[in-house]
Amino acid sequence: MSRQWTIGIMAALGMILGKLLLPVLGNYIENHSINKVTNSQLKEYIENSSELNFPFKSYQHSESYYKENFMYKGAPFAPYKICNNYTFYDSGYKKYFAIKMFNYTDFTSFKDILDIAKNDTIKCMVNKQELQNSNYGTSLNPVPVFTCVIPYSNSWKESDKINALNIKSFNHHYQESVLYHLTYFTPKEEFQKMFPDQKTSK
C-alpha cells in the first residue's frame, strides 16, 4: 500500500471520527460549563427580587461575551453573543451595580437615555440574594440589574422620548435576561447556593 493511499485513508477516518465525536464533545462542554435552569428556579429568582431606587450619577460601559450554543448551525465554536453592561456605584449600598442588556442591538439609545438621567433617580429590579452576597458588588463583579426605569421628563427632546420607548421594550425581556444570566454567567457554586436542589454536572 502506497504512502499516499495510507494518508488518504487516515484523513478519511479522521473526518469520520470528527463528525461523530464533535457533537458529543460539544454537548459535554456545554453541559459542564452552563447551568440548566428550570422554570421554577427562574420564577424563584424573580420572586426574590425587588425594585430599588438609586440616585444615578455616572456609569461605565463594557461588553461581556458568551456562546449560546457550542454547536451553531451544525458547525462548532458558535459566534459569541454580546451582553452590554452599564456599571454604576451606589454610595448607600456601597456596591457596584450593572444594568445588563442581553442581545439588545440598540444599546446607543440606552446610553443616550442614561446620559440625560444623570443626577436623577432610577428604579432597578435587584435579586435580594445577590444583593446580600459579599461576592457581588465589586467593580469586577457588580450586582446584576435586568430592568431599569428612568423617570420621564417633558423637557426631553423627541429623540429622547423615542429612546425611552426602546428602553421599555428592553424591560419587557426581563425574564429572558434573567435566564441568560443564570445560565451563562452565574458560577456553578453560586448557582448551587441559590438553588440547593440543583445538582452540579461532573
C-alpha atoms as a PDB file:
ATOM      1  CA  MET A   1       0.000   0.000   0.000  1.00  0.00           C
ATOM      2  CA  SER A   2       1.478   3.330  -1.039  1.00  0.00           C
ATOM      3  CA  ARG A   3       2.153   6.075   1.440  1.00  0.00           C
ATOM      4  CA  GLN A   4      -0.250   8.409  -0.382  1.00  0.00           C
ATOM      5  CA  TRP A   5      -3.018   5.823  -0.121  1.00  0.00           C
ATOM      6  CA  THR A   6      -2.376   5.404   3.604  1.00  0.00           C
ATOM      7  CA  ILE A   7      -2.508   9.164   4.188  1.00  0.00           C
ATOM      8  CA  GLY A   8      -5.824   9.327   2.316  1.00  0.00           C
ATOM      9  CA  ILE A   9      -7.353   6.575   4.460  1.00  0.00           C
ATOM     10  CA  MET A  10      -6.141   8.228   7.667  1.00  0.00           C
ATOM     11  CA  ALA A  11      -7.584  11.583   6.563  1.00  0.00           C
ATOM     12  CA  ALA A  12     -10.948   9.991   5.774  1.00  0.00           C
ATOM     13  CA  LEU A  13     -11.023   8.219   9.136  1.00  0.00           C
ATOM     14  CA  GLY A  14     -10.159  11.499  10.844  1.00  0.00           C
ATOM     15  CA  MET A  15     -13.076  13.251   9.162  1.00  0.00           C
ATOM     16  CA  ILE A  16     -15.483  10.482  10.106  1.00  0.00           C
ATOM     17  CA  LEU A  17     -14.335  10.440  13.736  1.00  0.00           C
ATOM     18  CA  GLY A  18     -14.523  14.230  13.845  1.00  0.00           C
ATOM     19  CA  LYS A  19     -18.136  14.234  12.677  1.00  0.00           C
ATOM     20  CA  LEU A  20     -19.039  11.558  15.223  1.00  0.00           C
ATOM     21  CA  LEU A  21     -17.138  12.923  18.205  1.00  0.00           C
ATOM     22  CA  LEU A  22     -17.545  16.672  17.776  1.00  0.00           C
ATOM     23  CA  PRO A  23     -21.271  16.806  18.664  1.00  0.00           C
ATOM     24  CA  VAL A  24     -20.577  14.609  21.708  1.00  0.00           C
ATOM     25  CA  LEU A  25     -17.697  16.860  22.753  1.00  0.00           C
ATOM     26  CA  GLY A  26     -19.829  19.931  22.166  1.00  0.00           C
ATOM     27  CA  ASN A  27     -22.646  18.596  24.355  1.00  0.00           C
ATOM     28  CA  TYR A  28     -20.161  17.610  27.063  1.00  0.00           C
ATOM     29  CA  ILE A  29     -18.570  21.064  27.157  1.00  0.00           C
ATOM     30  CA  GLU A  30     -21.942  22.804  27.084  1.00  0.00           C
ATOM     31  CA  ASN A  31     -23.407  20.658  29.863  1.00  0.00           C
ATOM     32  CA  HIS A  32     -20.379  21.230  32.095  1.00  0.00           C
ATOM     33  CA  SER A  33     -19.980  24.954  31.501  1.00  0.00           C
ATOM     34  CA  ILE A  34     -23.544  26.261  31.840  1.00  0.00           C
ATOM     35  CA  ASN A  35     -26.351  25.910  34.356  1.00  0.00           C
ATOM     36  CA  LYS A  36     -29.551  24.101  33.474  1.00  0.00           C
ATOM     37  CA  VAL A  37     -32.233  26.498  34.672  1.00  0.00           C
ATOM     38  CA  THR A  38     -35.746  25.222  35.337  1.00  0.00           C
ATOM     39  CA  ASN A  39     -38.909  27.306  35.166  1.00  0.00           C
ATOM     40  CA  SER A  40     -39.348  27.025  38.930  1.00  0.00           C
ATOM     41  CA  GLN A  41     -35.813  28.336  39.542  1.00  0.00           C
ATOM     42  CA  LEU A  42     -36.410  31.208  37.154  1.00  0.00           C
ATOM     43  CA  LYS A  43     -39.649  32.031  38.958  1.00  0.00           C
ATOM     44  CA  GLU A  44     -37.943  31.805  42.350  1.00  0.00           C
ATOM     45  CA  TYR A  45     -35.192  34.226  41.277  1.00  0.00           C
ATOM     46  CA  ILE A  46     -37.728  36.761  40.002  1.00  0.00           C
ATOM     47  CA  GLU A  47     -39.971  36.466  43.061  1.00  0.00           C
ATOM     48  CA  ASN A  48     -36.926  37.007  45.276  1.00  0.00           C
ATOM     49  CA  SER A  49     -36.187  40.319  43.528  1.00  0.00           C
ATOM     50  CA  SER A  50     -37.397  43.765  44.453  1.00  0.00           C
ATOM     51  CA  GLU A  51     -37.397  47.260  42.985  1.00  0.00           C
ATOM     52  CA  LEU A  52     -34.781  49.642  44.390  1.00  0.00           C
ATOM     53  CA  ASN A  53     -34.230  53.358  43.834  1.00  0.00           C
ATOM     54  CA  PHE A  54     -30.743  54.584  43.017  1.00  0.00           C
ATOM     55  CA  PRO A  55     -29.516  58.187  42.792  1.00  0.00           C
ATOM     56  CA  PHE A  56     -27.809  57.972  39.415  1.00  0.00           C
ATOM     57  CA  LYS A  57     -24.687  59.971  38.613  1.00  0.00           C
ATOM     58  CA  SER A  58     -22.432  58.177  36.148  1.00  0.00           C
ATOM     59  CA  TYR A  59     -21.722  54.790  34.588  1.00  0.00           C
ATOM     60  CA  GLN A  60     -19.081  52.769  32.771  1.00  0.00           C
ATOM     61  CA  HIS A  61     -20.000  50.794  29.662  1.00  0.00           C
ATOM     62  CA  SER A  62     -18.419  47.410  28.918  1.00  0.00           C
ATOM     63  CA  GLU A  63     -19.254  44.252  26.985  1.00  0.00           C
ATOM     64  CA  SER A  64     -19.335  40.602  28.038  1.00  0.00           C
ATOM     65  CA  TYR A  65     -19.364  37.732  25.575  1.00  0.00           C
ATOM     66  CA  TYR A  66     -20.894  34.273  25.733  1.00  0.00           C
ATOM     67  CA  LYS A  67     -21.837  31.395  23.465  1.00  0.00           C
ATOM     68  CA  GLU A  68     -25.483  30.418  23.490  1.00  0.00           C
ATOM     69  CA  ASN A  69     -24.643  27.043  21.944  1.00  0.00           C
ATOM     70  CA  PHE A  70     -21.337  25.270  21.399  1.00  0.00           C
ATOM     71  CA  MET A  71     -22.737  23.871  18.156  1.00  0.00           C
ATOM     72  CA  TYR A  72     -24.039  26.573  15.828  1.00  0.00           C
ATOM     73  CA  LYS A  73     -25.986  25.523  12.740  1.00  0.00           C
ATOM     74  CA  GLY A  74     -24.076  22.267  12.595  1.00  0.00           C
ATOM     75  CA  ALA A  75     -20.670  23.912  12.992  1.00  0.00           C
ATOM     76  CA  PRO A  76     -18.526  24.009  16.138  1.00  0.00           C
ATOM     77  CA  PHE A  77     -17.459  27.117  18.015  1.00  0.00           C
ATOM     78  CA  ALA A  78     -20.542  29.289  17.748  1.00  0.00           C
ATOM     79  CA  PRO A  79     -20.027  33.027  17.353  1.00  0.00           C
ATOM     80  CA  TYR A  80     -20.089  34.913  20.616  1.00  0.00           C
ATOM     81  CA  LYS A  81     -23.143  36.893  21.667  1.00  0.00           C
ATOM     82  CA  ILE A  82     -22.917  40.198  23.461  1.00  0.00           C
ATOM     83  CA  CYS A  83     -24.127  41.411  26.827  1.00  0.00           C
ATOM     84  CA  ASN A  84     -23.830  45.179  27.291  1.00  0.00           C
ATOM     85  CA  ASN A  85     -23.082  46.232  30.871  1.00  0.00           C
ATOM     86  CA  TYR A  86     -23.711  49.692  32.339  1.00  0.00           C
ATOM     87  CA  THR A  87     -21.945  49.725  35.698  1.00  0.00           C
ATOM     88  CA  PHE A  88     -22.594  52.371  38.350  1.00  0.00           C
ATOM     89  CA  TYR A  89     -21.714  52.795  42.018  1.00  0.00           C
ATOM     90  CA  ASP A  90     -24.234  53.398  44.783  1.00  0.00           C
ATOM     91  CA  SER A  91     -22.869  55.047  47.924  1.00  0.00           C
ATOM     92  CA  GLY A  92     -25.872  53.925  50.003  1.00  0.00           C
ATOM     93  CA  TYR A  93     -25.246  50.220  49.495  1.00  0.00           C
ATOM     94  CA  LYS A  94     -21.507  50.793  48.943  1.00  0.00           C
ATOM     95  CA  LYS A  95     -21.712  48.440  45.979  1.00  0.00           C
ATOM     96  CA  TYR A  96     -21.354  48.468  42.229  1.00  0.00           C
ATOM     97  CA  PHE A  97     -24.390  47.523  40.127  1.00  0.00           C
ATOM     98  CA  ALA A  98     -24.543  46.688  36.431  1.00  0.00           C
ATOM     99  CA  ILE A  99     -27.549  47.077  34.155  1.00  0.00           C
ATOM    100  CA  LYS A 100     -27.159  44.085  31.831  1.00  0.00           C
ATOM    101  CA  MET A 101     -28.668  44.049  28.357  1.00  0.00           C
ATOM    102  CA  PHE A 102     -28.537  40.722  26.548  1.00  0.00           C
ATOM    103  CA  ASN A 103     -28.619  40.680  22.732  1.00  0.00           C
ATOM    104  CA  TYR A 104     -30.022  44.216  22.709  1.00  0.00           C
ATOM    105  CA  THR A 105     -28.738  45.767  19.498  1.00  0.00           C
ATOM    106  CA  ASP A 106     -29.925  49.340  20.015  1.00  0.00           C
ATOM    107  CA  PHE A 107     -27.702  49.995  23.036  1.00  0.00           C
ATOM    108  CA  THR A 108     -26.912  53.511  21.756  1.00  0.00           C
ATOM    109  CA  SER A 109     -30.463  54.536  22.717  1.00  0.00           C
ATOM    110  CA  PHE A 110     -29.868  53.312  26.230  1.00  0.00           C
ATOM    111  CA  LYS A 111     -26.588  55.182  26.575  1.00  0.00           C
ATOM    112  CA  ASP A 112     -28.281  58.366  25.419  1.00  0.00           C
ATOM    113  CA  ILE A 113     -31.046  57.942  27.991  1.00  0.00           C
ATOM    114  CA  LEU A 114     -28.573  57.201  30.779  1.00  0.00           C
ATOM    115  CA  ASP A 115     -26.658  60.331  29.865  1.00  0.00           C
ATOM    116  CA  ILE A 116     -29.713  62.530  30.382  1.00  0.00           C
ATOM    117  CA  ALA A 117     -30.710  60.592  33.530  1.00  0.00           C
ATOM    118  CA  LYS A 118     -27.568  61.657  35.396  1.00  0.00           C
ATOM    119  CA  ASN A 119     -28.313  63.265  38.782  1.00  0.00           C
ATOM    120  CA  ASP A 120     -31.765  61.697  38.695  1.00  0.00           C
ATOM    121  CA  THR A 121     -33.224  58.641  40.452  1.00  0.00           C
ATOM    122  CA  ILE A 122     -33.623  55.393  38.534  1.00  0.00           C
ATOM    123  CA  LYS A 123     -35.578  52.278  39.532  1.00  0.00           C
ATOM    124  CA  CYS A 124     -33.997  48.847  39.114  1.00  0.00           C
ATOM    125  CA  MET A 125     -35.045  45.267  39.868  1.00  0.00           C
ATOM    126  CA  VAL A 126     -32.392  43.528  42.002  1.00  0.00           C
ATOM    127  CA  ASN A 127     -32.278  39.987  43.368  1.00  0.00           C
ATOM    128  CA  LYS A 128     -32.144  40.091  47.181  1.00  0.00           C
ATOM    129  CA  GLN A 129     -29.822  37.101  47.483  1.00  0.00           C
ATOM    130  CA  GLU A 130     -27.262  38.552  45.085  1.00  0.00           C
ATOM    131  CA  LEU A 131     -27.539  41.940  46.783  1.00  0.00           C
ATOM    132  CA  GLN A 132     -26.657  40.358  50.140  1.00  0.00           C
ATOM    133  CA  ASN A 133     -23.945  38.130  48.672  1.00  0.00           C
ATOM    134  CA  SER A 134     -20.483  39.508  49.511  1.00  0.00           C
ATOM    135  CA  ASN A 135     -19.145  38.069  46.238  1.00  0.00           C
ATOM    136  CA  TYR A 136     -21.227  40.644  44.347  1.00  0.00           C
ATOM    137  CA  GLY A 137     -20.835  44.394  44.408  1.00  0.00           C
ATOM    138  CA  THR A 138     -17.257  44.982  43.277  1.00  0.00           C
ATOM    139  CA  SER A 139     -16.362  46.820  40.075  1.00  0.00           C
ATOM    140  CA  LEU A 140     -15.282  43.491  38.565  1.00  0.00           C
ATOM    141  CA  ASN A 141     -18.360  41.593  39.743  1.00  0.00           C
ATOM    142  CA  PRO A 142     -21.216  44.082  40.206  1.00  0.00           C
ATOM    143  CA  VAL A 143     -24.715  43.188  41.369  1.00  0.00           C
ATOM    144  CA  PRO A 144     -26.706  42.424  38.183  1.00  0.00           C
ATOM    145  CA  VAL A 145     -29.730  44.505  37.185  1.00  0.00           C
ATOM    146  CA  PHE A 146     -32.169  43.490  34.430  1.00  0.00           C
ATOM    147  CA  THR A 147     -34.748  46.247  34.355  1.00  0.00           C
ATOM    148  CA  CYS A 148     -34.185  49.957  34.609  1.00  0.00           C
ATOM    149  CA  VAL A 149     -36.941  52.564  34.779  1.00  0.00           C
ATOM    150  CA  ILE A 150     -35.829  56.136  34.094  1.00  0.00           C
ATOM    151  CA  PRO A 151     -38.194  58.972  35.094  1.00  0.00           C
ATOM    152  CA  TYR A 152     -39.870  60.568  32.114  1.00  0.00           C
ATOM    153  CA  SER A 153     -39.383  64.288  31.623  1.00  0.00           C
ATOM    154  CA  ASN A 154     -41.425  66.692  29.484  1.00  0.00           C
ATOM    155  CA  SER A 155     -38.207  68.566  28.763  1.00  0.00           C
ATOM    156  CA  TRP A 156     -36.839  65.636  26.752  1.00  0.00           C
ATOM    157  CA  LYS A 157     -36.231  66.064  23.063  1.00  0.00           C
ATOM    158  CA  GLU A 158     -38.335  63.994  20.684  1.00  0.00           C
ATOM    159  CA  SER A 159     -35.406  61.643  20.050  1.00  0.00           C
ATOM    160  CA  ASP A 160     -35.076  61.059  23.805  1.00  0.00           C
ATOM    161  CA  LYS A 161     -38.752  60.126  24.019  1.00  0.00           C
ATOM    162  CA  ILE A 162     -38.277  57.587  21.221  1.00  0.00           C
ATOM    163  CA  ASN A 163     -35.230  56.169  23.004  1.00  0.00           C
ATOM    164  CA  ALA A 164     -37.279  55.840  26.190  1.00  0.00           C
ATOM    165  CA  LEU A 165     -39.818  53.722  24.320  1.00  0.00           C
ATOM    166  CA  ASN A 166     -36.991  51.477  23.147  1.00  0.00           C
ATOM    167  CA  ILE A 167     -35.874  51.007  26.744  1.00  0.00           C
ATOM    168  CA  LYS A 168     -39.396  49.920  27.680  1.00  0.00           C
ATOM    169  CA  SER A 169     -39.127  47.146  25.101  1.00  0.00           C
ATOM    170  CA  PHE A 170     -35.888  46.030  26.787  1.00  0.00           C
ATOM    171  CA  ASN A 171     -37.639  45.836  30.166  1.00  0.00           C
ATOM    172  CA  HIS A 172     -40.263  43.546  28.631  1.00  0.00           C
ATOM    173  CA  HIS A 173     -37.486  40.965  28.143  1.00  0.00           C
ATOM    174  CA  TYR A 174     -36.755  40.873  31.876  1.00  0.00           C
ATOM    175  CA  GLN A 175     -37.455  37.144  32.296  1.00  0.00           C
ATOM    176  CA  GLU A 176     -35.338  36.242  29.268  1.00  0.00           C
ATOM    177  CA  SER A 177     -32.440  38.356  30.575  1.00  0.00           C
ATOM    178  CA  VAL A 178     -32.589  36.629  33.958  1.00  0.00           C
ATOM    179  CA  LEU A 179     -32.497  33.263  32.191  1.00  0.00           C
ATOM    180  CA  TYR A 180     -29.358  34.235  30.240  1.00  0.00           C
ATOM    181  CA  HIS A 181     -27.698  35.496  33.429  1.00  0.00           C
ATOM    182  CA  LEU A 182     -28.402  32.328  35.408  1.00  0.00           C
ATOM    183  CA  THR A 183     -27.463  30.046  32.525  1.00  0.00           C
ATOM    184  CA  TYR A 184     -24.253  31.598  31.218  1.00  0.00           C
ATOM    185  CA  PHE A 185     -22.877  33.991  33.837  1.00  0.00           C
ATOM    186  CA  THR A 186     -23.737  32.649  37.288  1.00  0.00           C
ATOM    187  CA  PRO A 187     -20.875  30.469  38.623  1.00  0.00           C
ATOM    188  CA  LYS A 188     -21.977  26.922  39.367  1.00  0.00           C
ATOM    189  CA  GLU A 189     -21.045  27.288  43.034  1.00  0.00           C
ATOM    190  CA  GLU A 190     -23.202  30.407  43.362  1.00  0.00           C
ATOM    191  CA  PHE A 191     -25.993  28.725  41.425  1.00  0.00           C
ATOM    192  CA  GLN A 192     -25.970  25.794  43.858  1.00  0.00           C
ATOM    193  CA  LYS A 193     -26.188  28.128  46.844  1.00  0.00           C
ATOM    194  CA  MET A 194     -29.103  29.942  45.255  1.00  0.00           C
ATOM    195  CA  PHE A 195     -30.889  26.709  44.293  1.00  0.00           C
ATOM    196  CA  PRO A 196     -29.706  23.919  46.663  1.00  0.00           C
ATOM    197  CA  ASP A 197     -31.753  21.276  44.815  1.00  0.00           C
ATOM    198  CA  GLN A 198     -29.693  21.792  41.633  1.00  0.00           C
ATOM    199  CA  LYS A 199     -27.111  19.041  41.120  1.00  0.00           C
ATOM    200  CA  THR A 200     -23.788  20.013  39.622  1.00  0.00           C
ATOM    201  CA  SER A 201     -22.742  18.112  36.495  1.00  0.00           C
ATOM    202  CA  LYS A 202     -19.459  16.208  36.878  1.00  0.00           C
END
